[in-house]
Amino acid sequence: QEMGQINLILFAIDYMLESIFWDNYWLFINYYLSFNLDASGSFNLLLNSKTNNYPILYDRSIQSAENCKGFSETICQLTNSEEKFWNWLAGIIDGDGNFDLRKNNLNKLTLKAIRIKLHNRDIRILTRIQDYLHRGRIRSDKNKPYSMFIVSNIEDMSYIINKLNGSIRIKVDSFTKACNLYNIKFIEPDYNIKAFDSYFSGLIDTDGSIVFNFNNNRIECNLEFKYNKYSSKLNLDYVIPNVKPYILLRKHSSNKTNKEYKSIAYKYQTVKGMLPLYDYFMSNRLYSDFKFYRVTKIKKFLEIREFKYSDFESTEYKIYSNFVLKWIQYNNPLWSKVPFINKLRIS
């Protein structure tokens, strides 16, 4: 009788494992059927039917979805993940991207390449883009600490432009011309950036900065662009719920042309805004490791922030000093030139 019970239990376990296997097997098959491998060897996301805009899914997968909550949640996650990537990439391109438009021998405008140039410290951003797209190449400068992601294949550029359409907000002039070259109708973007939109993290990954304000004892997030009709329309009031940036217009003088120009800066610089910043970047992580490290320490900083006002010789101030020193040293070869370094208690 005991042996029979054991056999029954083993049968039940075996049945459950088999069910789990087939449910995930068809989920796996459906996931990869949703990719279309084109002639260039690259993946086009979500193969669509010719008669409608719904993804073509294998029938058994659709039937399984009726009884598999996890299946629909996974597909939703994949869709959200794809949307997050393209919004993030739009921010990257609006920050440090370039649509390389040139005239050929016939004086006709052409798109030679789509490029993103970054410091080698942030090369993970470029490798993430290449790994996700399975397109383009990364070229490093032999004489300077910079690398560039380049896409120059016409089919690949057309694919990327289509996916970014409606999300480019700063590099609009060149993007519009690129759309025209490929007979793609330009979609006007929404300049009111929605809550937790990953577009903002792309901007911070490239043009943004995470800095330590020693005098005011807080970690800040800043973003600055050259002022023009596009950057002035950018509304970041909602991207981090309950926190609005301080907007600053500044004048600059160009050393090359001796001409003045304006910049527009968005500054998140309040103590109460630090935790919402942390929450946003935990949901939309930065791929600049240097910057991501800094935002991940916000929660820890809030725990010891009041230690700054302790006696210089106290254990509390030593803990505070050690935290700040480590924060400014991470991937920063110029940390010793930070002005407030002499105010820390360094053992």
C-alpha atoms as a PDB file:
ATOM      1  CA  GLN A   1       0.000   0.000   0.000  1.00  0.00           C
ATOM      2  CA  GLU A   2       2.844   2.383   0.869  1.00  0.00           C
ATOM      3  CA  MET A   3       4.526   1.538  -2.434  1.00  0.00           C
ATOM      4  CA  GLY A   4       1.297   2.324  -4.250  1.00  0.00           C
ATOM      5  CA  GLN A   5       1.049   5.704  -2.549  1.00  0.00           C
ATOM      6  CA  ILE A   6       4.650   6.477  -3.465  1.00  0.00           C
ATOM      7  CA  ASN A   7       3.997   5.539  -7.107  1.00  0.00           C
ATOM      8  CA  LEU A   8       0.899   7.736  -7.102  1.00  0.00           C
ATOM      9  CA  ILE A   9       2.910  10.693  -5.722  1.00  0.00           C
ATOM     10  CA  LEU A  10       5.687  10.160  -8.282  1.00  0.00           C
ATOM     11  CA  PHE A  11       3.101   9.983 -11.064  1.00  0.00           C
ATOM     12  CA  ALA A  12       1.561  13.258  -9.898  1.00  0.00           C
ATOM     13  CA  ILE A  13       4.976  14.969  -9.763  1.00  0.00           C
ATOM     14  CA  ASP A  14       5.864  13.620 -13.186  1.00  0.00           C
ATOM     15  CA  TYR A  15       2.569  14.878 -14.599  1.00  0.00           C
ATOM     16  CA  MET A  16       3.072  18.351 -13.138  1.00  0.00           C
ATOM     17  CA  LEU A  17       6.626  18.575 -14.452  1.00  0.00           C
ATOM     18  CA  GLU A  18       5.477  17.476 -17.898  1.00  0.00           C
ATOM     19  CA  SER A  19       2.698  20.078 -17.877  1.00  0.00           C
ATOM     20  CA  ILE A  20       5.129  22.798 -16.828  1.00  0.00           C
ATOM     21  CA  PHE A  21       7.529  21.706 -19.569  1.00  0.00           C
ATOM     22  CA  TRP A  22       4.930  21.821 -22.352  1.00  0.00           C
ATOM     23  CA  ASP A  23       3.412  25.089 -21.189  1.00  0.00           C
ATOM     24  CA  ASN A  24       6.842  26.717 -21.230  1.00  0.00           C
ATOM     25  CA  TYR A  25       7.842  24.875 -24.390  1.00  0.00           C
ATOM     26  CA  TRP A  26       4.971  26.363 -26.357  1.00  0.00           C
ATOM     27  CA  LEU A  27       5.592  29.730 -24.733  1.00  0.00           C
ATOM     28  CA  PHE A  28       9.192  29.437 -25.914  1.00  0.00           C
ATOM     29  CA  ILE A  29       8.132  28.423 -29.445  1.00  0.00           C
ATOM     30  CA  ASN A  30       5.573  31.223 -29.665  1.00  0.00           C
ATOM     31  CA  TYR A  31       8.116  33.765 -28.472  1.00  0.00           C
ATOM     32  CA  TYR A  32      10.538  32.869 -31.222  1.00  0.00           C
ATOM     33  CA  LEU A  33       7.800  32.603 -33.852  1.00  0.00           C
ATOM     34  CA  SER A  34       7.074  36.240 -33.058  1.00  0.00           C
ATOM     35  CA  PHE A  35      10.464  37.111 -34.556  1.00  0.00           C
ATOM     36  CA  ASN A  36      11.010  37.197 -38.287  1.00  0.00           C
ATOM     37  CA  LEU A  37      14.572  36.532 -39.418  1.00  0.00           C
ATOM     38  CA  ASP A  38      15.182  38.740 -42.441  1.00  0.00           C
ATOM     39  CA  ALA A  39      17.652  38.300 -45.278  1.00  0.00           C
ATOM     40  CA  SER A  40      20.327  40.264 -43.471  1.00  0.00           C
ATOM     41  CA  GLY A  41      20.298  37.790 -40.598  1.00  0.00           C
ATOM     42  CA  SER A  42      18.627  40.286 -38.234  1.00  0.00           C
ATOM     43  CA  PHE A  43      15.426  39.847 -36.229  1.00  0.00           C
ATOM     44  CA  ASN A  44      12.296  41.868 -36.945  1.00  0.00           C
ATOM     45  CA  LEU A  45      10.102  41.933 -33.847  1.00  0.00           C
ATOM     46  CA  LEU A  46       6.522  40.653 -34.047  1.00  0.00           C
ATOM     47  CA  LEU A  47       5.726  39.086 -37.406  1.00  0.00           C
ATOM     48  CA  ASN A  48       2.377  40.560 -38.463  1.00  0.00           C
ATOM     49  CA  SER A  49      -0.226  39.119 -40.808  1.00  0.00           C
ATOM     50  CA  LYS A  50      -0.918  40.836 -44.106  1.00  0.00           C
ATOM     51  CA  THR A  51      -4.570  41.389 -43.260  1.00  0.00           C
ATOM     52  CA  ASN A  52      -4.299  42.903 -39.797  1.00  0.00           C
ATOM     53  CA  ASN A  53      -1.889  44.218 -37.219  1.00  0.00           C
ATOM     54  CA  TYR A  54      -2.122  41.320 -34.783  1.00  0.00           C
ATOM     55  CA  PRO A  55       0.898  39.096 -34.222  1.00  0.00           C
ATOM     56  CA  ILE A  56       0.725  35.676 -35.902  1.00  0.00           C
ATOM     57  CA  LEU A  57       0.816  33.113 -33.109  1.00  0.00           C
ATOM     58  CA  TYR A  58       0.837  29.353 -33.322  1.00  0.00           C
ATOM     59  CA  ASP A  59      -2.686  28.038 -32.670  1.00  0.00           C
ATOM     60  CA  ARG A  60      -1.728  25.789 -29.765  1.00  0.00           C
ATOM     61  CA  SER A  61      -0.086  28.750 -28.038  1.00  0.00           C
ATOM     62  CA  ILE A  62      -3.256  30.782 -28.362  1.00  0.00           C
ATOM     63  CA  GLN A  63      -5.335  27.980 -26.894  1.00  0.00           C
ATOM     64  CA  SER A  64      -2.839  27.530 -24.064  1.00  0.00           C
ATOM     65  CA  ALA A  65      -3.061  31.225 -23.300  1.00  0.00           C
ATOM     66  CA  GLU A  66      -6.713  30.821 -22.345  1.00  0.00           C
ATOM     67  CA  ASN A  67      -5.671  28.598 -19.464  1.00  0.00           C
ATOM     68  CA  CYS A  68      -2.270  30.080 -18.731  1.00  0.00           C
ATOM     69  CA  LYS A  69      -2.183  33.413 -16.926  1.00  0.00           C
ATOM     70  CA  GLY A  70       1.606  33.319 -16.948  1.00  0.00           C
ATOM     71  CA  PHE A  71       1.631  33.148 -20.742  1.00  0.00           C
ATOM     72  CA  SER A  72      -0.319  36.384 -21.246  1.00  0.00           C
ATOM     73  CA  GLU A  73       1.733  38.102 -18.548  1.00  0.00           C
ATOM     74  CA  THR A  74       4.954  37.042 -20.265  1.00  0.00           C
ATOM     75  CA  ILE A  75       3.794  38.344 -23.653  1.00  0.00           C
ATOM     76  CA  CYS A  76       2.790  41.605 -21.950  1.00  0.00           C
ATOM     77  CA  GLN A  77       6.212  41.815 -20.334  1.00  0.00           C
ATOM     78  CA  LEU A  78       7.905  41.222 -23.689  1.00  0.00           C
ATOM     79  CA  THR A  79       5.819  43.994 -25.262  1.00  0.00           C
ATOM     80  CA  ASN A  80       6.563  46.371 -22.395  1.00  0.00           C
ATOM     81  CA  SER A  81      10.245  45.451 -22.556  1.00  0.00           C
ATOM     82  CA  GLU A  82      10.335  46.238 -26.270  1.00  0.00           C
ATOM     83  CA  GLU A  83       8.596  49.572 -25.758  1.00  0.00           C
ATOM     84  CA  LYS A  84      10.968  50.463 -22.918  1.00  0.00           C
ATOM     85  CA  PHE A  85      13.980  49.678 -25.092  1.00  0.00           C
ATOM     86  CA  TRP A  86      12.874  51.879 -28.005  1.00  0.00           C
ATOM     87  CA  ASN A  87      11.875  54.767 -25.745  1.00  0.00           C
ATOM     88  CA  TRP A  88      15.259  54.488 -24.029  1.00  0.00           C
ATOM     89  CA  LEU A  89      17.054  54.363 -27.395  1.00  0.00           C
ATOM     90  CA  ALA A  90      15.170  57.484 -28.540  1.00  0.00           C
ATOM     91  CA  GLY A  91      16.556  59.251 -25.464  1.00  0.00           C
ATOM     92  CA  ILE A  92      20.055  57.965 -26.253  1.00  0.00           C
ATOM     93  CA  ILE A  93      19.874  59.275 -29.817  1.00  0.00           C
ATOM     94  CA  ASP A  94      18.364  62.616 -28.766  1.00  0.00           C
ATOM     95  CA  GLY A  95      21.314  62.869 -26.390  1.00  0.00           C
ATOM     96  CA  ASP A  96      24.381  61.671 -28.304  1.00  0.00           C
ATOM     97  CA  GLY A  97      22.999  60.242 -31.535  1.00  0.00           C
ATOM     98  CA  ASN A  98      23.421  61.494 -35.062  1.00  0.00           C
ATOM     99  CA  PHE A  99      21.651  60.969 -38.381  1.00  0.00           C
ATOM    100  CA  ASP A 100      24.573  61.420 -40.777  1.00  0.00           C
ATOM    101  CA  LEU A 101      22.990  63.165 -43.766  1.00  0.00           C
ATOM    102  CA  ARG A 102      25.235  63.980 -46.720  1.00  0.00           C
ATOM    103  CA  LYS A 103      24.966  64.893 -50.378  1.00  0.00           C
ATOM    104  CA  ASN A 104      26.299  62.396 -52.895  1.00  0.00           C
ATOM    105  CA  ASN A 105      28.047  63.051 -56.213  1.00  0.00           C
ATOM    106  CA  LEU A 106      24.711  63.899 -57.784  1.00  0.00           C
ATOM    107  CA  ASN A 107      24.068  66.521 -55.090  1.00  0.00           C
ATOM    108  CA  LYS A 108      21.294  64.333 -53.710  1.00  0.00           C
ATOM    109  CA  LEU A 109      20.789  64.089 -49.961  1.00  0.00           C
ATOM    110  CA  THR A 110      21.405  60.620 -48.524  1.00  0.00           C
ATOM    111  CA  LEU A 111      21.525  59.058 -45.072  1.00  0.00           C
ATOM    112  CA  LYS A 112      24.990  57.612 -44.752  1.00  0.00           C
ATOM    113  CA  ALA A 113      24.655  56.211 -41.244  1.00  0.00           C
ATOM    114  CA  ILE A 114      22.995  56.391 -37.845  1.00  0.00           C
ATOM    115  CA  ARG A 115      25.693  56.915 -35.214  1.00  0.00           C
ATOM    116  CA  ILE A 116      25.971  57.082 -31.431  1.00  0.00           C
ATOM    117  CA  LYS A 117      29.313  58.222 -29.990  1.00  0.00           C
ATOM    118  CA  LEU A 118      30.154  57.776 -26.303  1.00  0.00           C
ATOM    119  CA  HIS A 119      33.109  57.698 -23.946  1.00  0.00           C
ATOM    120  CA  ASN A 120      34.561  54.219 -23.447  1.00  0.00           C
ATOM    121  CA  ARG A 121      33.474  54.404 -19.824  1.00  0.00           C
ATOM    122  CA  ASP A 122      29.909  54.098 -21.137  1.00  0.00           C
ATOM    123  CA  ILE A 123      30.533  51.471 -23.804  1.00  0.00           C
ATOM    124  CA  ARG A 124      27.999  49.171 -22.140  1.00  0.00           C
ATOM    125  CA  ILE A 125      25.307  51.416 -23.599  1.00  0.00           C
ATOM    126  CA  LEU A 126      26.560  50.657 -27.109  1.00  0.00           C
ATOM    127  CA  THR A 127      26.904  46.927 -26.515  1.00  0.00           C
ATOM    128  CA  ARG A 128      23.374  46.799 -25.121  1.00  0.00           C
ATOM    129  CA  ILE A 129      22.042  48.451 -28.290  1.00  0.00           C
ATOM    130  CA  GLN A 130      23.973  46.112 -30.564  1.00  0.00           C
ATOM    131  CA  ASP A 131      23.008  43.017 -28.578  1.00  0.00           C
ATOM    132  CA  TYR A 132      19.322  43.953 -28.647  1.00  0.00           C
ATOM    133  CA  LEU A 133      19.134  44.951 -32.305  1.00  0.00           C
ATOM    134  CA  HIS A 134      21.535  42.355 -33.749  1.00  0.00           C
ATOM    135  CA  ARG A 135      22.444  45.157 -36.113  1.00  0.00           C
ATOM    136  CA  GLY A 136      25.292  47.616 -36.556  1.00  0.00           C
ATOM    137  CA  ARG A 137      28.903  47.594 -35.435  1.00  0.00           C
ATOM    138  CA  ILE A 138      30.965  49.246 -32.729  1.00  0.00           C
ATOM    139  CA  ARG A 139      34.168  51.033 -33.692  1.00  0.00           C
ATOM    140  CA  SER A 140      36.665  52.344 -31.154  1.00  0.00           C
ATOM    141  CA  ASP A 141      38.920  55.348 -31.676  1.00  0.00           C
ATOM    142  CA  LYS A 142      42.581  54.332 -31.480  1.00  0.00           C
ATOM    143  CA  ASN A 143      43.750  57.738 -30.273  1.00  0.00           C
ATOM    144  CA  LYS A 144      40.851  58.871 -28.087  1.00  0.00           C
ATOM    145  CA  PRO A 145      38.818  57.161 -25.348  1.00  0.00           C
ATOM    146  CA  TYR A 146      35.643  57.031 -27.430  1.00  0.00           C
ATOM    147  CA  SER A 147      33.655  54.379 -29.240  1.00  0.00           C
ATOM    148  CA  MET A 148      30.886  54.637 -31.802  1.00  0.00           C
ATOM    149  CA  PHE A 149      27.902  52.459 -32.661  1.00  0.00           C
ATOM    150  CA  ILE A 150      27.246  52.645 -36.410  1.00  0.00           C
ATOM    151  CA  VAL A 151      24.395  51.379 -38.579  1.00  0.00           C
ATOM    152  CA  SER A 152      24.878  52.018 -42.299  1.00  0.00           C
ATOM    153  CA  ASN A 153      22.834  49.281 -44.003  1.00  0.00           C
ATOM    154  CA  ILE A 154      19.787  50.818 -45.740  1.00  0.00           C
ATOM    155  CA  GLU A 155      17.403  48.105 -44.554  1.00  0.00           C
ATOM    156  CA  ASP A 156      18.640  48.376 -40.972  1.00  0.00           C
ATOM    157  CA  MET A 157      18.419  52.181 -40.957  1.00  0.00           C
ATOM    158  CA  SER A 158      14.861  52.047 -42.321  1.00  0.00           C
ATOM    159  CA  TYR A 159      13.903  49.553 -39.603  1.00  0.00           C
ATOM    160  CA  ILE A 160      15.359  51.723 -36.827  1.00  0.00           C
ATOM    161  CA  ILE A 161      13.755  54.916 -38.155  1.00  0.00           C
ATOM    162  CA  ASN A 162      10.359  53.203 -38.262  1.00  0.00           C
ATOM    163  CA  LYS A 163      10.708  51.973 -34.683  1.00  0.00           C
ATOM    164  CA  LEU A 164      11.846  55.389 -33.392  1.00  0.00           C
ATOM    165  CA  ASN A 165       9.175  57.356 -35.242  1.00  0.00           C
ATOM    166  CA  GLY A 166       7.062  59.280 -32.759  1.00  0.00           C
ATOM    167  CA  SER A 167       9.725  59.208 -30.034  1.00  0.00           C
ATOM    168  CA  ILE A 168      12.474  61.525 -31.350  1.00  0.00           C
ATOM    169  CA  ARG A 169      12.004  64.948 -29.774  1.00  0.00           C
ATOM    170  CA  ILE A 170      15.333  66.811 -29.957  1.00  0.00           C
ATOM    171  CA  LYS A 171      17.041  65.666 -33.184  1.00  0.00           C
ATOM    172  CA  VAL A 172      13.832  66.366 -35.107  1.00  0.00           C
ATOM    173  CA  ASP A 173      15.308  68.226 -38.092  1.00  0.00           C
ATOM    174  CA  SER A 174      17.682  65.460 -39.156  1.00  0.00           C
ATOM    175  CA  PHE A 175      15.228  62.703 -38.226  1.00  0.00           C
ATOM    176  CA  THR A 176      12.490  64.284 -40.360  1.00  0.00           C
ATOM    177  CA  LYS A 177      14.840  64.385 -43.350  1.00  0.00           C
ATOM    178  CA  ALA A 178      15.757  60.741 -42.759  1.00  0.00           C
ATOM    179  CA  CYS A 179      12.042  59.841 -42.705  1.00  0.00           C
ATOM    180  CA  ASN A 180      11.507  61.659 -45.999  1.00  0.00           C
ATOM    181  CA  LEU A 181      14.372  59.780 -47.641  1.00  0.00           C
ATOM    182  CA  TYR A 182      12.704  56.462 -46.805  1.00  0.00           C
ATOM    183  CA  ASN A 183       9.156  57.622 -47.562  1.00  0.00           C
ATOM    184  CA  ILE A 184       8.184  57.299 -43.914  1.00  0.00           C
ATOM    185  CA  LYS A 185       5.533  59.694 -42.634  1.00  0.00           C
ATOM    186  CA  PHE A 186       6.977  61.571 -39.662  1.00  0.00           C
ATOM    187  CA  ILE A 187       4.981  61.137 -36.450  1.00  0.00           C
ATOM    188  CA  GLU A 188       4.874  64.201 -34.216  1.00  0.00           C
ATOM    189  CA  PRO A 189       6.098  63.227 -30.734  1.00  0.00           C
ATOM    190  CA  ASP A 190       4.385  63.999 -27.444  1.00  0.00           C
ATOM    191  CA  TYR A 191       6.626  66.367 -25.485  1.00  0.00           C
ATOM    192  CA  ASN A 192       4.815  65.635 -22.226  1.00  0.00           C
ATOM    193  CA  ILE A 193       6.943  62.733 -21.052  1.00  0.00           C
ATOM    194  CA  LYS A 194       4.772  60.235 -19.191  1.00  0.00           C
ATOM    195  CA  ALA A 195       5.441  58.820 -15.745  1.00  0.00           C
ATOM    196  CA  PHE A 196       8.291  56.293 -15.672  1.00  0.00           C
ATOM    197  CA  ASP A 197       8.920  56.676 -19.414  1.00  0.00           C
ATOM    198  CA  SER A 198      12.340  55.159 -20.190  1.00  0.00           C
ATOM    199  CA  TYR A 199      13.020  57.984 -22.678  1.00  0.00           C
ATOM    200  CA  PHE A 200      14.227  60.044 -19.709  1.00  0.00           C
ATOM    201  CA  SER A 201      16.761  57.388 -18.656  1.00  0.00           C
ATOM    202  CA  GLY A 202      18.194  57.448 -22.190  1.00  0.00           C
ATOM    203  CA  LEU A 203      18.678  61.204 -21.913  1.00  0.00           C
ATOM    204  CA  ILE A 204      20.404  60.826 -18.539  1.00  0.00           C
ATOM    205  CA  ASP A 205      22.603  57.978 -19.831  1.00  0.00           C
ATOM    206  CA  THR A 206      24.008  60.392 -22.422  1.00  0.00           C
ATOM    207  CA  ASP A 207      23.480  64.086 -21.617  1.00  0.00           C
ATOM    208  CA  GLY A 208      22.600  63.824 -17.940  1.00  0.00           C
ATOM    209  CA  SER A 209      24.679  63.847 -14.780  1.00  0.00           C
ATOM    210  CA  ILE A 210      24.338  62.501 -11.240  1.00  0.00           C
ATOM    211  CA  VAL A 211      26.218  64.823  -8.898  1.00  0.00           C
ATOM    212  CA  PHE A 212      26.862  65.263  -5.185  1.00  0.00           C
ATOM    213  CA  ASN A 213      25.991  68.687  -3.797  1.00  0.00           C
ATOM    214  CA  PHE A 214      28.101  68.833  -0.634  1.00  0.00           C
ATOM    215  CA  ASN A 215      26.915  72.242   0.564  1.00  0.00           C
ATOM    216  CA  ASN A 216      23.257  71.248   0.397  1.00  0.00           C
ATOM    217  CA  ASN A 217      23.978  67.634   1.347  1.00  0.00           C
ATOM    218  CA  ARG A 218      22.081  65.886  -1.419  1.00  0.00           C
ATOM    219  CA  ILE A 219      22.451  63.801  -4.582  1.00  0.00           C
ATOM    220  CA  GLU A 220      21.139  65.580  -7.663  1.00  0.00           C
ATOM    221  CA  CYS A 221      20.202  64.687 -11.228  1.00  0.00           C
ATOM    222  CA  ASN A 222      20.815  67.289 -13.943  1.00  0.00           C
ATOM    223  CA  LEU A 223      20.117  67.431 -17.658  1.00  0.00           C
ATOM    224  CA  GLU A 224      21.157  70.161 -20.071  1.00  0.00           C
ATOM    225  CA  PHE A 225      20.636  70.820 -23.798  1.00  0.00           C
ATOM    226  CA  LYS A 226      21.337  73.579 -26.229  1.00  0.00           C
ATOM    227  CA  TYR A 227      18.220  75.733 -26.200  1.00  0.00           C
ATOM    228  CA  ASN A 228      16.126  75.550 -29.357  1.00  0.00           C
ATOM    229  CA  LYS A 229      12.491  75.209 -30.412  1.00  0.00           C
ATOM    230  CA  TYR A 230      12.555  71.473 -29.664  1.00  0.00           C
ATOM    231  CA  SER A 231      14.392  71.307 -26.356  1.00  0.00           C
ATOM    232  CA  SER A 232      12.260  74.174 -25.026  1.00  0.00           C
ATOM    233  CA  LYS A 233       9.096  72.086 -25.553  1.00  0.00           C
ATOM    234  CA  LEU A 234      10.313  69.176 -23.461  1.00  0.00           C
ATOM    235  CA  ASN A 235       8.053  68.741 -20.425  1.00  0.00           C
ATOM    236  CA  LEU A 236       9.571  66.538 -17.694  1.00  0.00           C
ATOM    237  CA  ASP A 237       7.066  67.475 -14.982  1.00  0.00           C
ATOM    238  CA  TYR A 238       5.434  64.041 -14.915  1.00  0.00           C
ATOM    239  CA  VAL A 239       8.190  61.549 -15.680  1.00  0.00           C
ATOM    240  CA  ILE A 240       9.084  61.214 -11.979  1.00  0.00           C
ATOM    241  CA  PRO A 241       5.794  61.286 -10.063  1.00  0.00           C
ATOM    242  CA  ASN A 242       5.438  64.091  -7.491  1.00  0.00           C
ATOM    243  CA  VAL A 243       8.773  65.660  -8.474  1.00  0.00           C
ATOM    244  CA  LYS A 244       9.149  68.512 -10.948  1.00  0.00           C
ATOM    245  CA  PRO A 245      12.539  69.725 -12.181  1.00  0.00           C
ATOM    246  CA  TYR A 246      13.794  73.246 -11.723  1.00  0.00           C
ATOM    247  CA  ILE A 247      14.273  74.749 -15.203  1.00  0.00           C
ATOM    248  CA  LEU A 248      17.165  77.107 -15.817  1.00  0.00           C
ATOM    249  CA  LEU A 249      18.070  79.085 -18.946  1.00  0.00           C
ATOM    250  CA  ARG A 250      21.722  80.031 -19.293  1.00  0.00           C
ATOM    251  CA  LYS A 251      23.842  81.999 -21.743  1.00  0.00           C
ATOM    252  CA  HIS A 252      27.172  80.697 -23.025  1.00  0.00           C
ATOM    253  CA  SER A 253      29.933  81.992 -25.261  1.00  0.00           C
ATOM    254  CA  SER A 254      31.442  79.739 -27.901  1.00  0.00           C
ATOM    255  CA  ASN A 255      35.249  79.696 -27.884  1.00  0.00           C
ATOM    256  CA  LYS A 256      35.318  78.790 -31.578  1.00  0.00           C
ATOM    257  CA  THR A 257      32.831  81.276 -33.009  1.00  0.00           C
ATOM    258  CA  ASN A 258      32.720  83.885 -30.229  1.00  0.00           C
ATOM    259  CA  LYS A 259      28.947  83.734 -30.517  1.00  0.00           C
ATOM    260  CA  GLU A 260      26.563  83.492 -27.616  1.00  0.00           C
ATOM    261  CA  TYR A 261      24.056  80.681 -27.322  1.00  0.00           C
ATOM    262  CA  LYS A 262      21.523  79.541 -24.756  1.00  0.00           C
ATOM    263  CA  SER A 263      21.140  76.261 -22.931  1.00  0.00           C
ATOM    264  CA  ILE A 264      18.194  74.856 -21.030  1.00  0.00           C
ATOM    265  CA  ALA A 265      18.819  72.807 -17.890  1.00  0.00           C
ATOM    266  CA  TYR A 266      16.446  70.539 -15.989  1.00  0.00           C
ATOM    267  CA  LYS A 267      17.545  70.060 -12.389  1.00  0.00           C
ATOM    268  CA  TYR A 268      16.243  67.602  -9.820  1.00  0.00           C
ATOM    269  CA  GLN A 269      17.785  69.107  -6.725  1.00  0.00           C
ATOM    270  CA  THR A 270      15.601  68.627  -3.681  1.00  0.00           C
ATOM    271  CA  VAL A 271      16.009  66.333  -0.709  1.00  0.00           C
ATOM    272  CA  LYS A 272      12.448  65.033  -0.972  1.00  0.00           C
ATOM    273  CA  GLY A 273      13.040  64.270  -4.655  1.00  0.00           C
ATOM    274  CA  MET A 274      15.930  61.870  -4.027  1.00  0.00           C
ATOM    275  CA  LEU A 275      13.835  58.805  -3.215  1.00  0.00           C
ATOM    276  CA  PRO A 276      11.509  59.247  -6.237  1.00  0.00           C
ATOM    277  CA  LEU A 277      14.659  59.555  -8.378  1.00  0.00           C
ATOM    278  CA  TYR A 278      15.903  56.294  -6.920  1.00  0.00           C
ATOM    279  CA  ASP A 279      12.558  54.583  -7.611  1.00  0.00           C
ATOM    280  CA  TYR A 280      12.518  55.804 -11.211  1.00  0.00           C
ATOM    281  CA  PHE A 281      16.025  54.546 -11.999  1.00  0.00           C
ATOM    282  CA  MET A 282      15.365  51.214 -10.320  1.00  0.00           C
ATOM    283  CA  SER A 283      12.511  50.817 -12.795  1.00  0.00           C
ATOM    284  CA  ASN A 284      14.434  52.306 -15.723  1.00  0.00           C
ATOM    285  CA  ARG A 285      18.059  51.478 -15.016  1.00  0.00           C
ATOM    286  CA  LEU A 286      20.934  53.441 -16.466  1.00  0.00           C
ATOM    287  CA  TYR A 287      23.442  51.579 -18.631  1.00  0.00           C
ATOM    288  CA  SER A 288      26.149  54.088 -17.861  1.00  0.00           C
ATOM    289  CA  ASP A 289      27.616  52.071 -14.992  1.00  0.00           C
ATOM    290  CA  PHE A 290      29.236  55.203 -13.593  1.00  0.00           C
ATOM    291  CA  LYS A 291      25.884  56.981 -13.263  1.00  0.00           C
ATOM    292  CA  PHE A 292      23.918  53.911 -12.262  1.00  0.00           C
ATOM    293  CA  TYR A 293      26.280  53.221  -9.377  1.00  0.00           C
ATOM    294  CA  ARG A 294      25.665  56.737  -8.100  1.00  0.00           C
ATOM    295  CA  VAL A 295      21.858  56.509  -8.146  1.00  0.00           C
ATOM    296  CA  THR A 296      21.864  53.078  -6.489  1.00  0.00           C
ATOM    297  CA  LYS A 297      23.494  54.674  -3.440  1.00  0.00           C
ATOM    298  CA  ILE A 298      20.702  57.197  -2.851  1.00  0.00           C
ATOM    299  CA  LYS A 299      18.833  55.004  -0.369  1.00  0.00           C
ATOM    300  CA  LYS A 300      21.978  54.328   1.635  1.00  0.00           C
ATOM    301  CA  PHE A 301      22.820  58.029   1.608  1.00  0.00           C
ATOM    302  CA  LEU A 302      19.430  58.919   3.053  1.00  0.00           C
ATOM    303  CA  GLU A 303      20.190  56.649   6.001  1.00  0.00           C
ATOM    304  CA  ILE A 304      23.409  58.487   6.894  1.00  0.00           C
ATOM    305  CA  ARG A 305      22.668  61.934   5.491  1.00  0.00           C
ATOM    306  CA  GLU A 306      22.289  63.549   8.933  1.00  0.00           C
ATOM    307  CA  PHE A 307      25.762  62.327   9.931  1.00  0.00           C
ATOM    308  CA  LYS A 308      27.214  65.285   8.063  1.00  0.00           C
ATOM    309  CA  TYR A 309      26.197  67.562  10.921  1.00  0.00           C
ATOM    310  CA  SER A 310      28.059  65.486  13.521  1.00  0.00           C
ATOM    311  CA  ASP A 311      31.367  66.469  15.065  1.00  0.00           C
ATOM    312  CA  PHE A 312      34.296  66.123  12.657  1.00  0.00           C
ATOM    313  CA  GLU A 313      36.032  63.580  14.938  1.00  0.00           C
ATOM    314  CA  SER A 314      32.903  61.534  15.530  1.00  0.00           C
ATOM    315  CA  THR A 315      32.260  58.033  14.247  1.00  0.00           C
ATOM    316  CA  GLU A 316      29.175  59.337  12.444  1.00  0.00           C
ATOM    317  CA  TYR A 317      31.154  61.875  10.426  1.00  0.00           C
ATOM    318  CA  LYS A 318      33.726  59.233   9.578  1.00  0.00           C
ATOM    319  CA  ILE A 319      30.955  56.990   8.216  1.00  0.00           C
ATOM    320  CA  TYR A 320      29.602  59.932   6.224  1.00  0.00           C
ATOM    321  CA  SER A 321      33.057  60.779   4.851  1.00  0.00           C
ATOM    322  CA  ASN A 322      33.753  57.185   3.834  1.00  0.00           C
ATOM    323  CA  PHE A 323      30.449  57.012   1.972  1.00  0.00           C
ATOM    324  CA  VAL A 324      30.979  60.274   0.087  1.00  0.00           C
ATOM    325  CA  LEU A 325      34.593  59.419  -0.748  1.00  0.00           C
ATOM    326  CA  LYS A 326      33.646  56.055  -2.198  1.00  0.00           C
ATOM    327  CA  TRP A 327      30.767  57.686  -4.092  1.00  0.00           C
ATOM    328  CA  ILE A 328      32.987  60.242  -5.847  1.00  0.00           C
ATOM    329  CA  GLN A 329      35.851  57.798  -6.457  1.00  0.00           C
ATOM    330  CA  TYR A 330      33.871  55.199  -8.407  1.00  0.00           C
ATOM    331  CA  ASN A 331      35.081  55.193 -12.043  1.00  0.00           C
ATOM    332  CA  ASN A 332      36.238  58.791 -11.593  1.00  0.00           C
ATOM    333  CA  PRO A 333      39.983  59.289 -12.179  1.00  0.00           C
ATOM    334  CA  LEU A 334      39.620  62.986 -11.310  1.00  0.00           C
ATOM    335  CA  TRP A 335      38.044  62.425  -7.896  1.00  0.00           C
ATOM    336  CA  SER A 336      40.965  64.096  -6.101  1.00  0.00           C
ATOM    337  CA  LYS A 337      40.120  67.395  -7.817  1.00  0.00           C
ATOM    338  CA  VAL A 338      36.618  67.539  -6.349  1.00  0.00           C
ATOM    339  CA  PRO A 339      36.523  70.858  -4.390  1.00  0.00           C
ATOM    340  CA  PHE A 340      35.018  69.544  -1.139  1.00  0.00           C
ATOM    341  CA  ILE A 341      37.413  66.615  -0.750  1.00  0.00           C
ATOM    342  CA  ASN A 342      39.407  68.475   1.945  1.00  0.00           C
ATOM    343  CA  LYS A 343      36.260  68.752   4.072  1.00  0.00           C
ATOM    344  CA  LEU A 344      35.965  65.000   4.476  1.00  0.00           C
ATOM    345  CA  ARG A 345      37.545  63.005   7.242  1.00  0.00           C
ATOM    346  CA  ILE A 346      39.809  60.649   5.318  1.00  0.00           C
ATOM    347  CA  SER A 347      41.626  58.058   7.411  1.00  0.00           C
END
